[in-house]
């Protein structure tokens, strides 16, 4: 299962596919990517605060398409209400949140509640404050591989953009006639 570092790496790679500027160019943009790419795991914090169990609500409604749509919309509107936030489109906000849900669905054995409320898949077990802190701080090998893969993707994406290949790919090869 990807942990925060893995979700950040995937979020940065997802942002790179829809952006012409670097996520590292502004710290507020970088912070927004970190926040949005980890937002679905707010259910862990809620579980810890309300039930003293980080697994109590994990992988439920916050790991759904409805959550990604709603939270993506609210996040995109937040920059309009507060000018200190980076202006991110709904598409980018939605993609960053969805990248978390997709990574959890694809890179772990546990199901996510993607079609909530039609389906609900809760995490099992008990995860206390110490367990969550240890997982976040120690991470895992999978996050290292995710980070390496995301970095390679970003480098390739930027290289293709610098060479003008991204326009060629987006046009479906029609730019060759130009």
C-alpha atoms as a PDB file:
ATOM      1  CA  UNK A   1       0.000   0.000   0.000  1.00  0.00           C
ATOM      2  CA  UNK A   2       1.436   3.396  -0.888  1.00  0.00           C
ATOM      3  CA  UNK A   3       2.186   5.630   2.080  1.00  0.00           C
ATOM      4  CA  UNK A   4       2.331   9.461   2.044  1.00  0.00           C
ATOM      5  CA  UNK A   5       5.665   9.651   0.184  1.00  0.00           C
ATOM      6  CA  UNK A   6       4.404   7.303  -2.532  1.00  0.00           C
ATOM      7  CA  UNK A   7       1.178   9.288  -2.891  1.00  0.00           C
ATOM      8  CA  UNK A   8       3.162  12.532  -3.146  1.00  0.00           C
ATOM      9  CA  UNK A   9       5.381  11.055  -5.875  1.00  0.00           C
ATOM     10  CA  UNK A  10       2.335   9.819  -7.805  1.00  0.00           C
ATOM     11  CA  UNK A  11       0.617  13.196  -7.313  1.00  0.00           C
ATOM     12  CA  UNK A  12       3.653  15.041  -8.669  1.00  0.00           C
ATOM     13  CA  UNK A  13       3.728  12.755 -11.713  1.00  0.00           C
ATOM     14  CA  UNK A  14      -0.022  13.225 -12.228  1.00  0.00           C
ATOM     15  CA  UNK A  15       0.387  16.997 -11.978  1.00  0.00           C
ATOM     16  CA  UNK A  16       3.222  16.893 -14.503  1.00  0.00           C
ATOM     17  CA  UNK A  17       0.924  15.394 -17.147  1.00  0.00           C
ATOM     18  CA  UNK A  18      -1.422  18.385 -16.946  1.00  0.00           C
ATOM     19  CA  UNK A  19       0.947  21.255 -16.375  1.00  0.00           C
ATOM     20  CA  UNK A  20       3.408  23.367 -18.272  1.00  0.00           C
ATOM     21  CA  UNK A  21       5.214  24.553 -15.149  1.00  0.00           C
ATOM     22  CA  UNK A  22       7.133  22.736 -12.472  1.00  0.00           C
ATOM     23  CA  UNK A  23       5.427  21.835  -9.229  1.00  0.00           C
ATOM     24  CA  UNK A  24       8.665  22.866  -7.562  1.00  0.00           C
ATOM     25  CA  UNK A  25       8.469  26.415  -8.934  1.00  0.00           C
ATOM     26  CA  UNK A  26       6.225  27.582  -6.096  1.00  0.00           C
ATOM     27  CA  UNK A  27       6.158  26.149  -2.591  1.00  0.00           C
ATOM     28  CA  UNK A  28       2.430  26.811  -2.288  1.00  0.00           C
ATOM     29  CA  UNK A  29       1.796  24.702  -5.381  1.00  0.00           C
ATOM     30  CA  UNK A  30       4.031  21.934  -4.033  1.00  0.00           C
ATOM     31  CA  UNK A  31       2.171  22.058  -0.688  1.00  0.00           C
ATOM     32  CA  UNK A  32      -1.186  21.886  -2.492  1.00  0.00           C
ATOM     33  CA  UNK A  33      -0.048  18.808  -4.431  1.00  0.00           C
ATOM     34  CA  UNK A  34       1.121  17.155  -1.206  1.00  0.00           C
ATOM     35  CA  UNK A  35      -2.185  17.959   0.503  1.00  0.00           C
ATOM     36  CA  UNK A  36      -4.495  16.898  -2.332  1.00  0.00           C
ATOM     37  CA  UNK A  37      -2.594  13.721  -3.193  1.00  0.00           C
ATOM     38  CA  UNK A  38      -2.925  12.572   0.428  1.00  0.00           C
ATOM     39  CA  UNK A  39      -6.409  13.988   1.153  1.00  0.00           C
ATOM     40  CA  UNK A  40      -8.314  10.666   0.944  1.00  0.00           C
ATOM     41  CA  UNK A  41      -6.333   9.436   3.956  1.00  0.00           C
ATOM     42  CA  UNK A  42      -8.049  12.063   6.106  1.00  0.00           C
ATOM     43  CA  UNK A  43     -10.189   9.095   7.128  1.00  0.00           C
ATOM     44  CA  UNK A  44      -7.209   7.705   9.074  1.00  0.00           C
ATOM     45  CA  UNK A  45      -6.968  10.909  11.112  1.00  0.00           C
ATOM     46  CA  UNK A  46     -10.726  10.891  11.704  1.00  0.00           C
ATOM     47  CA  UNK A  47     -10.546   7.266  12.845  1.00  0.00           C
ATOM     48  CA  UNK A  48      -7.721   8.059  15.243  1.00  0.00           C
ATOM     49  CA  UNK A  49      -9.513  11.098  16.679  1.00  0.00           C
ATOM     50  CA  UNK A  50     -12.959   9.520  16.989  1.00  0.00           C
ATOM     51  CA  UNK A  51     -12.273   5.805  17.577  1.00  0.00           C
ATOM     52  CA  UNK A  52      -8.547   5.677  18.479  1.00  0.00           C
ATOM     53  CA  UNK A  53      -8.262   3.395  15.450  1.00  0.00           C
ATOM     54  CA  UNK A  54      -6.840   4.649  12.158  1.00  0.00           C
ATOM     55  CA  UNK A  55      -8.430   1.712  10.348  1.00  0.00           C
ATOM     56  CA  UNK A  56     -11.962   2.442  11.626  1.00  0.00           C
ATOM     57  CA  UNK A  57     -13.056   4.500   8.601  1.00  0.00           C
ATOM     58  CA  UNK A  58     -10.168   3.857   6.208  1.00  0.00           C
ATOM     59  CA  UNK A  59     -10.921   3.117   2.539  1.00  0.00           C
ATOM     60  CA  UNK A  60     -14.562   4.130   2.905  1.00  0.00           C
ATOM     61  CA  UNK A  61     -16.220   7.232   1.398  1.00  0.00           C
ATOM     62  CA  UNK A  62     -12.987   9.248   1.138  1.00  0.00           C
ATOM     63  CA  UNK A  63     -11.661   6.633  -1.278  1.00  0.00           C
ATOM     64  CA  UNK A  64     -14.534   7.064  -3.742  1.00  0.00           C
ATOM     65  CA  UNK A  65     -15.206   8.736  -7.054  1.00  0.00           C
ATOM     66  CA  UNK A  66     -17.822  10.960  -5.382  1.00  0.00           C
ATOM     67  CA  UNK A  67     -15.243  12.194  -2.847  1.00  0.00           C
ATOM     68  CA  UNK A  68     -12.708  12.902  -5.613  1.00  0.00           C
ATOM     69  CA  UNK A  69     -15.298  14.893  -7.550  1.00  0.00           C
ATOM     70  CA  UNK A  70     -16.617  16.841  -4.538  1.00  0.00           C
ATOM     71  CA  UNK A  71     -13.279  17.526  -2.876  1.00  0.00           C
ATOM     72  CA  UNK A  72     -11.717  18.365  -6.255  1.00  0.00           C
ATOM     73  CA  UNK A  73     -14.442  20.926  -6.894  1.00  0.00           C
ATOM     74  CA  UNK A  74     -14.097  22.466  -3.421  1.00  0.00           C
ATOM     75  CA  UNK A  75     -10.307  22.615  -3.709  1.00  0.00           C
ATOM     76  CA  UNK A  76     -10.488  24.296  -7.106  1.00  0.00           C
ATOM     77  CA  UNK A  77     -12.925  26.876  -5.730  1.00  0.00           C
ATOM     78  CA  UNK A  78     -10.787  27.505  -2.615  1.00  0.00           C
ATOM     79  CA  UNK A  79      -8.190  29.408  -4.644  1.00  0.00           C
ATOM     80  CA  UNK A  80     -10.908  31.761  -5.834  1.00  0.00           C
ATOM     81  CA  UNK A  81     -11.957  32.472  -2.241  1.00  0.00           C
ATOM     82  CA  UNK A  82      -8.415  32.759  -0.899  1.00  0.00           C
ATOM     83  CA  UNK A  83      -5.821  34.321  -3.185  1.00  0.00           C
ATOM     84  CA  UNK A  84      -2.846  32.915  -1.223  1.00  0.00           C
ATOM     85  CA  UNK A  85      -3.679  29.437  -2.538  1.00  0.00           C
ATOM     86  CA  UNK A  86      -2.365  28.384  -5.949  1.00  0.00           C
ATOM     87  CA  UNK A  87      -4.961  28.503  -8.699  1.00  0.00           C
ATOM     88  CA  UNK A  88      -5.614  24.886  -9.609  1.00  0.00           C
ATOM     89  CA  UNK A  89      -8.298  23.840 -12.036  1.00  0.00           C
ATOM     90  CA  UNK A  90     -10.988  21.340 -11.102  1.00  0.00           C
ATOM     91  CA  UNK A  91      -9.372  18.853 -13.495  1.00  0.00           C
ATOM     92  CA  UNK A  92      -6.000  19.052 -11.712  1.00  0.00           C
ATOM     93  CA  UNK A  93      -7.535  18.893  -8.208  1.00  0.00           C
ATOM     94  CA  UNK A  94      -9.709  15.939  -9.202  1.00  0.00           C
ATOM     95  CA  UNK A  95      -6.753  14.147 -10.823  1.00  0.00           C
ATOM     96  CA  UNK A  96      -4.544  14.607  -7.753  1.00  0.00           C
ATOM     97  CA  UNK A  97      -7.183  13.164  -5.412  1.00  0.00           C
ATOM     98  CA  UNK A  98      -8.067  10.406  -7.858  1.00  0.00           C
ATOM     99  CA  UNK A  99      -4.380   9.468  -8.168  1.00  0.00           C
ATOM    100  CA  UNK A 100      -4.423   8.524  -4.482  1.00  0.00           C
ATOM    101  CA  UNK A 101      -7.520   6.371  -4.823  1.00  0.00           C
ATOM    102  CA  UNK A 102      -6.214   4.668  -7.970  1.00  0.00           C
ATOM    103  CA  UNK A 103      -2.832   3.978  -6.349  1.00  0.00           C
ATOM    104  CA  UNK A 104      -4.498   2.392  -3.322  1.00  0.00           C
ATOM    105  CA  UNK A 105      -6.724   0.292  -5.573  1.00  0.00           C
ATOM    106  CA  UNK A 106      -3.894  -0.858  -7.845  1.00  0.00           C
ATOM    107  CA  UNK A 107      -0.958  -1.157  -5.463  1.00  0.00           C
ATOM    108  CA  UNK A 108      -2.474  -2.887  -2.455  1.00  0.00           C
ATOM    109  CA  UNK A 109      -4.429  -6.020  -1.671  1.00  0.00           C
ATOM    110  CA  UNK A 110      -7.326  -4.194   0.012  1.00  0.00           C
ATOM    111  CA  UNK A 111     -10.268  -2.892  -1.984  1.00  0.00           C
ATOM    112  CA  UNK A 112     -11.310   0.764  -1.984  1.00  0.00           C
ATOM    113  CA  UNK A 113     -14.891   2.037  -1.942  1.00  0.00           C
ATOM    114  CA  UNK A 114     -14.576   3.543  -5.440  1.00  0.00           C
ATOM    115  CA  UNK A 115     -18.320   3.394  -6.150  1.00  0.00           C
ATOM    116  CA  UNK A 116     -19.416   4.430  -2.649  1.00  0.00           C
ATOM    117  CA  UNK A 117     -22.295   4.431  -1.585  1.00  0.00           C
ATOM    118  CA  UNK A 118     -23.029   1.476  -3.880  1.00  0.00           C
ATOM    119  CA  UNK A 119     -20.083  -0.426  -2.418  1.00  0.00           C
ATOM    120  CA  UNK A 120     -18.198  -0.011   0.838  1.00  0.00           C
ATOM    121  CA  UNK A 121     -14.884  -1.629   1.693  1.00  0.00           C
ATOM    122  CA  UNK A 122     -13.527  -0.773   5.129  1.00  0.00           C
ATOM    123  CA  UNK A 123     -10.016  -1.571   6.297  1.00  0.00           C
ATOM    124  CA  UNK A 124      -9.764  -4.315   8.832  1.00  0.00           C
ATOM    125  CA  UNK A 125      -7.691  -4.456  11.969  1.00  0.00           C
ATOM    126  CA  UNK A 126      -6.665  -1.921  14.505  1.00  0.00           C
ATOM    127  CA  UNK A 127      -4.145   0.844  13.845  1.00  0.00           C
ATOM    128  CA  UNK A 128      -3.231   3.153  16.715  1.00  0.00           C
ATOM    129  CA  UNK A 129      -1.338   6.432  16.776  1.00  0.00           C
ATOM    130  CA  UNK A 130       2.009   4.659  17.175  1.00  0.00           C
ATOM    131  CA  UNK A 131       1.333   2.302  14.267  1.00  0.00           C
ATOM    132  CA  UNK A 132       0.356   5.158  11.945  1.00  0.00           C
ATOM    133  CA  UNK A 133       3.327   7.304  12.991  1.00  0.00           C
ATOM    134  CA  UNK A 134       5.717   4.390  12.463  1.00  0.00           C
ATOM    135  CA  UNK A 135       4.296   3.647   8.995  1.00  0.00           C
ATOM    136  CA  UNK A 136       4.525   7.281   7.904  1.00  0.00           C
ATOM    137  CA  UNK A 137       8.041   7.836   9.234  1.00  0.00           C
ATOM    138  CA  UNK A 138       9.586   4.531   8.254  1.00  0.00           C
ATOM    139  CA  UNK A 139       7.739   4.158   4.973  1.00  0.00           C
ATOM    140  CA  UNK A 140       8.315   1.054   2.939  1.00  0.00           C
ATOM    141  CA  UNK A 141      10.266  -0.249  -0.015  1.00  0.00           C
ATOM    142  CA  UNK A 142       7.238   0.141  -2.284  1.00  0.00           C
ATOM    143  CA  UNK A 143       7.255   3.919  -1.737  1.00  0.00           C
ATOM    144  CA  UNK A 144      10.907   4.048  -2.772  1.00  0.00           C
ATOM    145  CA  UNK A 145      10.123   2.243  -6.041  1.00  0.00           C
ATOM    146  CA  UNK A 146       7.055   4.445  -6.607  1.00  0.00           C
ATOM    147  CA  UNK A 147       9.202   7.555  -6.066  1.00  0.00           C
ATOM    148  CA  UNK A 148      11.887   6.329  -8.471  1.00  0.00           C
ATOM    149  CA  UNK A 149       9.252   5.500 -11.099  1.00  0.00           C
ATOM    150  CA  UNK A 150       7.510   8.858 -10.656  1.00  0.00           C
ATOM    151  CA  UNK A 151      10.832  10.718 -10.919  1.00  0.00           C
ATOM    152  CA  UNK A 152      11.683   8.843 -14.121  1.00  0.00           C
ATOM    153  CA  UNK A 153       8.239   9.669 -15.522  1.00  0.00           C
ATOM    154  CA  UNK A 154       8.648  13.376 -14.696  1.00  0.00           C
ATOM    155  CA  UNK A 155      12.110  13.464 -16.294  1.00  0.00           C
ATOM    156  CA  UNK A 156      10.820  11.762 -19.449  1.00  0.00           C
ATOM    157  CA  UNK A 157       7.776  14.057 -19.568  1.00  0.00           C
ATOM    158  CA  UNK A 158       9.926  17.171 -19.262  1.00  0.00           C
ATOM    159  CA  UNK A 159      12.381  15.848 -21.849  1.00  0.00           C
ATOM    160  CA  UNK A 160       9.545  15.173 -24.290  1.00  0.00           C
ATOM    161  CA  UNK A 161       8.167  18.656 -23.625  1.00  0.00           C
ATOM    162  CA  UNK A 162      11.581  20.248 -24.213  1.00  0.00           C
ATOM    163  CA  UNK A 163      11.939  18.410 -27.528  1.00  0.00           C
ATOM    164  CA  UNK A 164       8.386  19.287 -28.604  1.00  0.00           C
ATOM    165  CA  UNK A 165       7.348  15.637 -28.603  1.00  0.00           C
ATOM    166  CA  UNK A 166       4.423  16.317 -26.286  1.00  0.00           C
ATOM    167  CA  UNK A 167       2.694  18.366 -29.009  1.00  0.00           C
ATOM    168  CA  UNK A 168       3.351  15.568 -31.493  1.00  0.00           C
ATOM    169  CA  UNK A 169       1.879  12.952 -29.135  1.00  0.00           C
ATOM    170  CA  UNK A 170      -1.167  15.088 -28.323  1.00  0.00           C
ATOM    171  CA  UNK A 171      -1.866  15.741 -31.994  1.00  0.00           C
ATOM    172  CA  UNK A 172      -1.757  12.026 -32.773  1.00  0.00           C
ATOM    173  CA  UNK A 173       1.154  12.458 -35.189  1.00  0.00           C
ATOM    174  CA  UNK A 174      -0.680  15.053 -37.317  1.00  0.00           C
ATOM    175  CA  UNK A 175       2.072  17.601 -36.624  1.00  0.00           C
ATOM    176  CA  UNK A 176       4.434  15.685 -38.895  1.00  0.00           C
ATOM    177  CA  UNK A 177       2.734  17.202 -41.932  1.00  0.00           C
ATOM    178  CA  UNK A 178       3.353  20.750 -40.623  1.00  0.00           C
END
